[in-house]
Amino acid sequence: MIQASIFPGRYVQGAGALNRLGKEAARFGKKAFAVCDPFAIDSIIPGYKAEIEKEVEIVFEKFNGECSDKEINRIIELVKTAGSQVVIAVGGGKTIDTAKAVAHNLSLPVIIAPTIASTDAPCSALSVIYTDEGVVDRYLFLPTNPNSVLVDTSVIANAPTRFLVSGMGDALSTWLEAKSCQTKYANNFVGEKGSMTAYALAKLCFDTLLEFGYIAKVSNDANTVTPAFEKVVEANTLLSGLGFESGGIASCHAVHNGLTMLEPTHKYFHGEKVSIGVVTSLFLTDKPAEFIDEVYDFCESIGLPTTLAQVGLVDPSDEDLMKVANRACAEGETIYNELVPITPEAVFAAIKAADAYGRSRQI
């Protein structure tokens, strides 16, 4: 049996890491192109710009908000015009996925500098492509992981805590899904079986969240970098990225993809919708009652959604929930990596049960 794991070329984390961006970029060329989300370009880049420009000639371009083919193609043309030798992402998950897709199209190296710890996108060889309307369209599988990832925890600690909590929702799914893939001998994102390294990192991710998640949230509330905060940022970004990609995913992300079919969910973050996928998976895969309570306890302690209303679906119709279930069970979806028989009806029932249980605990 062949096993395979993949990793980013370099991972650097700590307060002040963005000061290294110019030197990192210079390893790949003297002309760089940075795709930046609006907040980053207005409020973060000015504090680092002079230091970066000591090392490279760089263009900063504002990201338009959606990782769609239209936006990817727009930036490709700008990078070509600039003659850039390395692509950089400064921002959140969709900014990052866009930069990775652009770099892939142009066969250029890519450096990722996340400004929030809300997803595991920074380390992965994957871009999630959306329609212009915000519906998941497809996964773009990339031949390599990012060349370098710089995680400045002083920047992340000053971002709204909701981003960190959303990242914990995404990371919470990592071990649950990887464990299903391990047991079923399902393939990971390399198209092979996962290694013991991948599964161990996925479990470490889960354990880190449950032990340090609440303390990290409180640290973020106070805009402070503490050891617990550093651990959870690493869990959200590196451990979750390595765990999902080299371990594999299953129902949690498939349910997330289904939720994007309903417009009211579009204003909620990826990890918040994955959190609904997590609690749905508990019922779909018949987890023990004590484990279900442990996961709900954790989600409630840090403010992760456990009910449909918390992701914008107040009294959704059964017809709408069947749309979610049918999309989650689309041909080729990762939900089939679960050990239980999968049907839209079973997913529909699990969504309803998870929501009902979440609501019952709020009474």
Protein backbone atom coordinates (compact mmCIF):
# COMPACT_ATOMS: atom_id res chain seq x y z
CA MET A 1 0.00 0.00 0.00
CA ILE A 2 1.36 3.40 -1.05
CA GLN A 3 1.09 6.23 1.47
CA ALA A 4 1.83 9.89 0.78
CA SER A 5 1.93 13.20 2.63
CA ILE A 6 2.56 16.72 1.32
CA PHE A 7 3.74 19.88 3.07
CA PRO A 8 4.45 23.55 2.36
CA GLY A 9 8.08 24.36 1.61
CA ARG A 10 8.58 26.55 4.67
CA TYR A 11 6.37 27.52 7.61
CA VAL A 12 7.25 30.51 9.80
CA GLN A 13 5.01 31.62 12.69
CA GLY A 14 5.34 34.27 15.36
CA ALA A 15 4.84 37.92 16.20
CA GLY A 16 6.50 40.10 13.55
CA ALA A 17 6.80 37.37 10.90
CA LEU A 18 5.55 39.75 8.19
CA ASN A 19 8.80 41.71 8.50
CA ARG A 20 10.41 38.72 6.73
CA LEU A 21 8.14 38.94 3.68
CA GLY A 22 10.58 40.92 1.54
CA LYS A 23 13.45 38.55 2.24
CA GLU A 24 11.24 35.54 1.58
CA ALA A 25 10.09 37.01 -1.74
CA ALA A 26 13.69 37.81 -2.75
CA ARG A 27 14.49 34.09 -2.57
CA PHE A 28 12.36 33.68 -5.71
CA GLY A 29 13.00 36.88 -7.65
CA LYS A 30 13.27 40.64 -7.56
CA LYS A 31 9.73 41.39 -8.78
CA ALA A 32 6.77 40.37 -6.62
CA PHE A 33 3.01 40.74 -6.93
CA ALA A 34 0.89 40.77 -3.77
CA VAL A 35 -2.85 40.05 -3.81
CA CYS A 36 -4.21 41.71 -0.67
CA ASP A 37 -7.66 41.81 0.84
CA PRO A 38 -9.01 45.36 1.31
CA PHE A 39 -8.31 45.53 5.05
CA ALA A 40 -4.76 44.27 4.57
CA ILE A 41 -3.93 46.76 1.85
CA ASP A 42 -5.36 49.68 3.83
CA SER A 43 -4.43 48.82 7.41
CA ILE A 44 -1.66 46.19 7.54
CA ILE A 45 0.59 46.66 4.51
CA PRO A 46 1.46 50.31 5.30
CA GLY A 47 3.23 49.19 8.48
CA TYR A 48 5.43 46.69 6.59
CA LYS A 49 5.70 48.24 3.11
CA ALA A 50 9.02 50.03 3.57
CA GLU A 51 10.70 46.92 4.97
CA ILE A 52 9.38 44.76 2.12
CA GLU A 53 10.45 47.24 -0.57
CA LYS A 54 14.04 47.13 0.68
CA GLU A 55 14.25 43.62 -0.76
CA VAL A 56 11.95 43.47 -3.82
CA GLU A 57 10.07 45.54 -6.36
CA ILE A 58 6.45 44.82 -5.49
CA VAL A 59 2.93 45.57 -6.72
CA PHE A 60 0.08 45.52 -4.20
CA GLU A 61 -3.34 44.73 -5.71
CA LYS A 62 -6.68 44.78 -3.90
CA PHE A 63 -8.63 41.51 -3.99
CA ASN A 64 -12.22 41.88 -5.17
CA GLY A 65 -13.72 39.45 -2.67
CA GLU A 66 -14.53 36.18 -4.44
CA CYS A 67 -12.22 33.36 -5.50
CA SER A 68 -13.91 33.00 -8.88
CA ASP A 69 -12.63 32.36 -12.38
CA LYS A 70 -13.33 36.00 -13.24
CA GLU A 71 -11.17 37.32 -10.39
CA ILE A 72 -8.40 34.77 -10.98
CA ASN A 73 -8.18 35.71 -14.66
CA ARG A 74 -8.18 39.44 -13.84
CA ILE A 75 -5.17 39.06 -11.56
CA ILE A 76 -3.35 36.74 -13.97
CA GLU A 77 -3.32 39.54 -16.53
CA LEU A 78 -2.03 42.06 -13.97
CA VAL A 79 0.80 39.74 -12.91
CA LYS A 80 1.79 39.23 -16.55
CA THR A 81 1.83 42.97 -17.15
CA ALA A 82 3.98 43.55 -14.07
CA GLY A 83 6.46 40.85 -15.08
CA SER A 84 6.40 39.49 -11.52
CA GLN A 85 8.43 36.44 -10.53
CA VAL A 86 6.58 35.48 -7.35
CA VAL A 87 2.95 35.80 -6.25
CA ILE A 88 2.09 36.69 -2.65
CA ALA A 89 -1.23 36.48 -0.79
CA VAL A 90 -1.89 38.77 2.16
CA GLY A 91 -5.34 38.17 3.61
CA GLY A 92 -7.90 35.48 4.34
CA GLY A 93 -8.87 32.18 2.75
CA LYS A 94 -10.37 33.40 -0.53
CA THR A 95 -7.51 35.84 -1.12
CA ILE A 96 -5.09 32.98 -0.48
CA ASP A 97 -6.87 30.52 -2.77
CA THR A 98 -6.98 33.13 -5.53
CA ALA A 99 -3.23 33.81 -5.29
CA LYS A 100 -2.48 30.08 -5.33
CA ALA A 101 -4.59 29.62 -8.46
CA VAL A 102 -2.90 32.58 -10.17
CA ALA A 103 0.59 31.31 -9.33
CA HIS A 104 -0.32 27.84 -10.61
CA ASN A 105 -1.62 29.20 -13.90
CA LEU A 106 1.59 31.18 -14.44
CA SER A 107 3.97 28.50 -13.06
CA LEU A 108 5.26 30.93 -10.43
CA PRO A 109 6.17 30.35 -6.77
CA VAL A 110 3.68 31.55 -4.17
CA ILE A 111 4.11 32.93 -0.66
CA ILE A 112 1.16 32.98 1.75
CA ALA A 113 0.85 35.56 4.54
CA PRO A 114 -2.51 35.01 6.26
CA THR A 115 -3.89 37.92 8.25
CA ILE A 116 -6.46 35.77 10.03
CA ALA A 117 -6.48 32.17 11.29
CA SER A 118 -9.91 31.33 9.93
CA THR A 119 -9.12 28.44 7.57
CA ASP A 120 -6.42 25.93 6.74
CA ALA A 121 -6.02 27.33 3.22
CA PRO A 122 -2.50 28.80 3.76
CA CYS A 123 -0.64 25.47 3.68
CA SER A 124 -2.63 23.45 1.15
CA ALA A 125 -2.15 22.57 -2.52
CA LEU A 126 -5.79 23.34 -3.15
CA SER A 127 -7.96 26.27 -4.16
CA VAL A 128 -11.71 26.23 -3.64
CA ILE A 129 -13.24 27.99 -6.63
CA TYR A 130 -16.61 29.70 -6.18
CA THR A 131 -19.09 31.20 -8.60
CA ASP A 132 -19.35 34.99 -8.64
CA GLU A 133 -22.45 34.52 -6.48
CA GLY A 134 -20.53 32.69 -3.73
CA VAL A 135 -21.57 29.08 -4.39
CA VAL A 136 -18.85 26.40 -4.29
CA ASP A 137 -18.09 25.48 -7.91
CA ARG A 138 -15.13 23.08 -7.74
CA TYR A 139 -11.82 22.19 -6.14
CA LEU A 140 -8.68 23.16 -8.04
CA PHE A 141 -5.98 20.65 -7.14
CA LEU A 142 -2.51 22.17 -7.41
CA PRO A 143 0.72 20.27 -8.13
CA THR A 144 2.60 21.74 -5.17
CA ASN A 145 1.97 23.33 -1.79
CA PRO A 146 2.88 26.99 -1.19
CA ASN A 147 6.59 27.66 -1.27
CA SER A 148 6.48 29.64 1.97
CA VAL A 149 3.91 30.47 4.66
CA LEU A 150 4.46 33.43 7.01
CA VAL A 151 2.02 33.62 9.92
CA ASP A 152 2.34 36.86 11.89
CA THR A 153 0.50 36.20 15.14
CA SER A 154 0.64 39.88 16.17
CA VAL A 155 -1.47 40.65 13.09
CA ILE A 156 -3.84 37.75 13.73
CA ALA A 157 -4.30 38.70 17.41
CA ASN A 158 -5.60 42.09 16.30
CA ALA A 159 -8.17 40.59 13.93
CA PRO A 160 -11.73 40.05 15.17
CA THR A 161 -12.01 36.93 17.35
CA ARG A 162 -14.76 35.59 15.11
CA PHE A 163 -12.09 34.70 12.53
CA LEU A 164 -10.09 32.60 15.00
CA VAL A 165 -13.25 30.86 16.19
CA SER A 166 -14.27 30.13 12.60
CA GLY A 167 -10.83 28.64 12.04
CA MET A 168 -11.39 26.37 14.99
CA GLY A 169 -14.62 25.21 13.34
CA ASP A 170 -12.72 24.26 10.21
CA ALA A 171 -9.92 22.64 12.22
CA LEU A 172 -12.39 20.75 14.42
CA SER A 173 -13.40 18.67 11.41
CA THR A 174 -9.83 17.62 10.60
CA TRP A 175 -9.43 14.60 12.83
CA LEU A 176 -13.06 13.46 12.49
CA GLU A 177 -12.73 13.32 8.72
CA ALA A 178 -9.17 11.99 8.63
CA LYS A 179 -10.13 9.20 11.04
CA SER A 180 -12.96 8.14 8.72
CA CYS A 181 -10.56 8.09 5.78
CA GLN A 182 -7.99 6.13 7.76
CA THR A 183 -10.49 3.48 8.83
CA LYS A 184 -12.01 3.14 5.37
CA TYR A 185 -8.65 3.26 3.57
CA ALA A 186 -9.96 6.21 1.58
CA ASN A 187 -7.59 8.34 -0.45
CA ASN A 188 -6.32 11.73 0.66
CA PHE A 189 -5.79 14.78 -1.56
CA VAL A 190 -2.62 13.23 -2.97
CA GLY A 191 -4.72 10.38 -4.33
CA GLU A 192 -3.03 7.93 -1.95
CA LYS A 193 -3.60 6.56 1.54
CA GLY A 194 -2.60 8.81 4.41
CA SER A 195 0.51 8.27 6.49
CA MET A 196 0.64 7.80 10.25
CA THR A 197 2.19 11.28 10.36
CA ALA A 198 -0.92 12.80 8.80
CA TYR A 199 -3.33 11.04 11.14
CA ALA A 200 -1.20 11.88 14.20
CA LEU A 201 -1.14 15.56 13.22
CA ALA A 202 -4.90 15.53 12.69
CA LYS A 203 -5.42 14.09 16.19
CA LEU A 204 -3.00 16.64 17.66
CA CYS A 205 -5.06 19.35 15.97
CA PHE A 206 -8.25 18.11 17.66
CA ASP A 207 -6.61 17.72 21.08
CA THR A 208 -5.02 21.19 20.87
CA LEU A 209 -8.35 22.83 20.13
CA LEU A 210 -10.14 21.17 23.02
CA GLU A 211 -7.35 21.97 25.48
CA PHE A 212 -6.40 25.51 24.43
CA GLY A 213 -9.29 26.76 22.28
CA TYR A 214 -11.17 28.71 24.92
CA ILE A 215 -8.00 30.30 26.34
CA ALA A 216 -6.93 31.26 22.82
CA LYS A 217 -10.31 32.88 22.20
CA VAL A 218 -9.99 34.94 25.38
CA SER A 219 -6.46 35.95 24.34
CA ASN A 220 -7.77 37.10 20.97
CA ASP A 221 -10.56 39.04 22.71
CA ALA A 222 -7.78 40.93 24.52
CA ASN A 223 -5.69 41.27 21.30
CA THR A 224 -2.78 39.50 22.96
CA VAL A 225 -0.39 36.81 21.76
CA THR A 226 -0.12 34.08 24.41
CA PRO A 227 1.30 30.54 24.23
CA ALA A 228 -2.26 29.17 24.00
CA PHE A 229 -3.05 31.58 21.18
CA GLU A 230 0.10 30.52 19.28
CA LYS A 231 -0.88 26.86 19.69
CA VAL A 232 -4.38 27.36 18.32
CA VAL A 233 -3.17 29.50 15.41
CA GLU A 234 -0.80 26.66 14.54
CA ALA A 235 -3.63 24.13 14.90
CA ASN A 236 -5.96 26.17 12.67
CA THR A 237 -3.33 26.84 10.04
CA LEU A 238 -0.63 24.15 9.94
CA LEU A 239 -2.00 21.09 11.73
CA SER A 240 -5.41 21.37 10.11
CA GLY A 241 -3.86 22.04 6.71
CA LEU A 242 -1.56 19.03 6.90
CA GLY A 243 -4.24 16.86 8.51
CA PHE A 244 -7.00 17.47 5.99
CA GLU A 245 -4.79 17.33 2.92
CA SER A 246 -2.66 14.33 3.79
CA GLY A 247 -5.34 12.60 5.89
CA GLY A 248 -8.42 13.24 3.78
CA ILE A 249 -11.87 14.76 4.31
CA ALA A 250 -15.37 13.33 4.53
CA SER A 251 -18.87 14.49 5.52
CA CYS A 252 -18.15 17.73 7.40
CA HIS A 253 -16.94 19.55 4.32
CA ALA A 254 -19.53 17.94 2.07
CA VAL A 255 -22.29 19.34 4.29
CA HIS A 256 -20.54 22.73 4.18
CA ASN A 257 -20.68 22.58 0.39
CA GLY A 258 -24.35 21.74 0.57
CA LEU A 259 -25.05 24.71 2.84
CA THR A 260 -23.60 27.09 0.25
CA MET A 261 -26.60 26.23 -1.92
CA LEU A 262 -28.76 28.39 0.35
CA GLU A 263 -28.17 32.13 -0.03
CA PRO A 264 -28.67 33.10 3.66
CA THR A 265 -25.52 31.12 4.56
CA HIS A 266 -23.28 33.16 2.26
CA LYS A 267 -22.56 35.86 4.84
CA TYR A 268 -21.21 33.26 7.27
CA PHE A 269 -17.60 32.09 7.30
CA HIS A 270 -16.33 28.80 5.92
CA GLY A 271 -15.49 27.41 9.37
CA GLU A 272 -18.87 28.40 10.77
CA LYS A 273 -20.60 26.33 8.10
CA VAL A 274 -18.09 23.51 8.59
CA SER A 275 -19.10 23.55 12.27
CA ILE A 276 -22.62 22.64 11.18
CA GLY A 277 -21.03 19.90 9.08
CA VAL A 278 -19.21 18.67 12.19
CA VAL A 279 -22.31 18.35 14.36
CA THR A 280 -24.22 16.81 11.46
CA SER A 281 -21.46 14.21 11.05
CA LEU A 282 -21.82 13.19 14.68
CA PHE A 283 -25.38 12.03 14.05
CA LEU A 284 -24.74 10.75 10.53
CA THR A 285 -21.94 8.46 11.72
CA ASP A 286 -23.62 7.41 15.00
CA LYS A 287 -21.00 8.76 17.41
CA PRO A 288 -21.36 7.91 21.15
CA ALA A 289 -23.51 10.28 23.19
CA GLU A 290 -20.60 11.30 25.44
CA PHE A 291 -18.51 12.31 22.42
CA ILE A 292 -21.40 14.26 20.92
CA ASP A 293 -21.74 16.19 24.16
CA GLU A 294 -17.99 16.85 24.29
CA VAL A 295 -18.05 18.39 20.82
CA TYR A 296 -21.18 20.46 21.51
CA ASP A 297 -19.69 21.65 24.82
CA PHE A 298 -16.59 22.85 23.02
CA CYS A 299 -18.48 24.57 20.21
CA GLU A 300 -20.76 26.35 22.66
CA SER A 301 -17.84 27.46 24.86
CA ILE A 302 -16.16 29.36 22.03
CA GLY A 303 -19.25 30.42 20.08
CA LEU A 304 -19.22 28.05 17.12
CA PRO A 305 -22.61 27.45 15.47
CA THR A 306 -24.47 24.29 16.45
CA THR A 307 -27.87 25.25 15.01
CA LEU A 308 -29.02 26.16 11.52
CA ALA A 309 -30.31 29.53 12.73
CA GLN A 310 -26.73 30.43 13.67
CA VAL A 311 -25.73 30.23 9.99
CA GLY A 312 -28.74 32.19 8.75
CA LEU A 313 -31.24 29.37 8.27
CA VAL A 314 -34.14 30.29 10.53
CA ASP A 315 -36.96 27.75 10.12
CA PRO A 316 -35.66 26.38 6.79
CA SER A 317 -38.07 24.30 4.77
CA ASP A 318 -37.54 20.57 4.35
CA GLU A 319 -37.25 21.27 0.63
CA ASP A 320 -34.30 23.60 1.24
CA LEU A 321 -32.61 21.12 3.57
CA MET A 322 -32.98 18.42 0.94
CA LYS A 323 -31.15 20.74 -1.46
CA VAL A 324 -28.31 20.82 1.06
CA ALA A 325 -28.41 17.04 1.48
CA ASN A 326 -28.49 16.38 -2.25
CA ARG A 327 -25.52 18.69 -2.86
CA ALA A 328 -23.61 17.05 0.00
CA CYS A 329 -24.22 13.69 -1.71
CA ALA A 330 -23.26 14.81 -5.21
CA GLU A 331 -21.28 12.34 -7.27
CA GLY A 332 -17.63 12.41 -6.29
CA GLU A 333 -18.22 14.23 -3.00
CA THR A 334 -16.03 13.40 -0.02
CA ILE A 335 -19.02 12.32 2.09
CA TYR A 336 -18.59 8.83 0.63
CA ASN A 337 -15.39 8.50 2.68
CA GLU A 338 -17.60 7.86 5.72
CA LEU A 339 -18.08 4.31 6.96
CA VAL A 340 -21.88 4.42 7.00
CA PRO A 341 -24.27 4.08 4.04
CA ILE A 342 -24.76 7.53 2.51
CA THR A 343 -28.04 8.75 1.06
CA PRO A 344 -29.54 12.25 0.82
CA GLU A 345 -32.29 11.09 3.19
CA ALA A 346 -29.73 10.04 5.82
CA VAL A 347 -27.91 13.37 5.54
CA PHE A 348 -31.20 15.27 5.73
CA ALA A 349 -32.10 13.40 8.93
CA ALA A 350 -28.67 14.06 10.46
CA ILE A 351 -28.90 17.80 9.71
CA LYS A 352 -32.34 17.96 11.33
CA ALA A 353 -31.21 15.95 14.36
CA ALA A 354 -28.03 18.01 14.89
CA ASP A 355 -30.00 21.24 14.69
CA ALA A 356 -32.68 19.96 17.08
CA TYR A 357 -30.06 18.84 19.57
CA GLY A 358 -28.27 22.17 19.38
CA ARG A 359 -31.53 24.03 19.97
CA SER A 360 -32.48 21.76 22.88
CA ARG A 361 -29.26 22.66 24.67
CA GLN A 362 -30.04 26.37 24.42
CA ILE A 363 -33.29 26.11 26.33
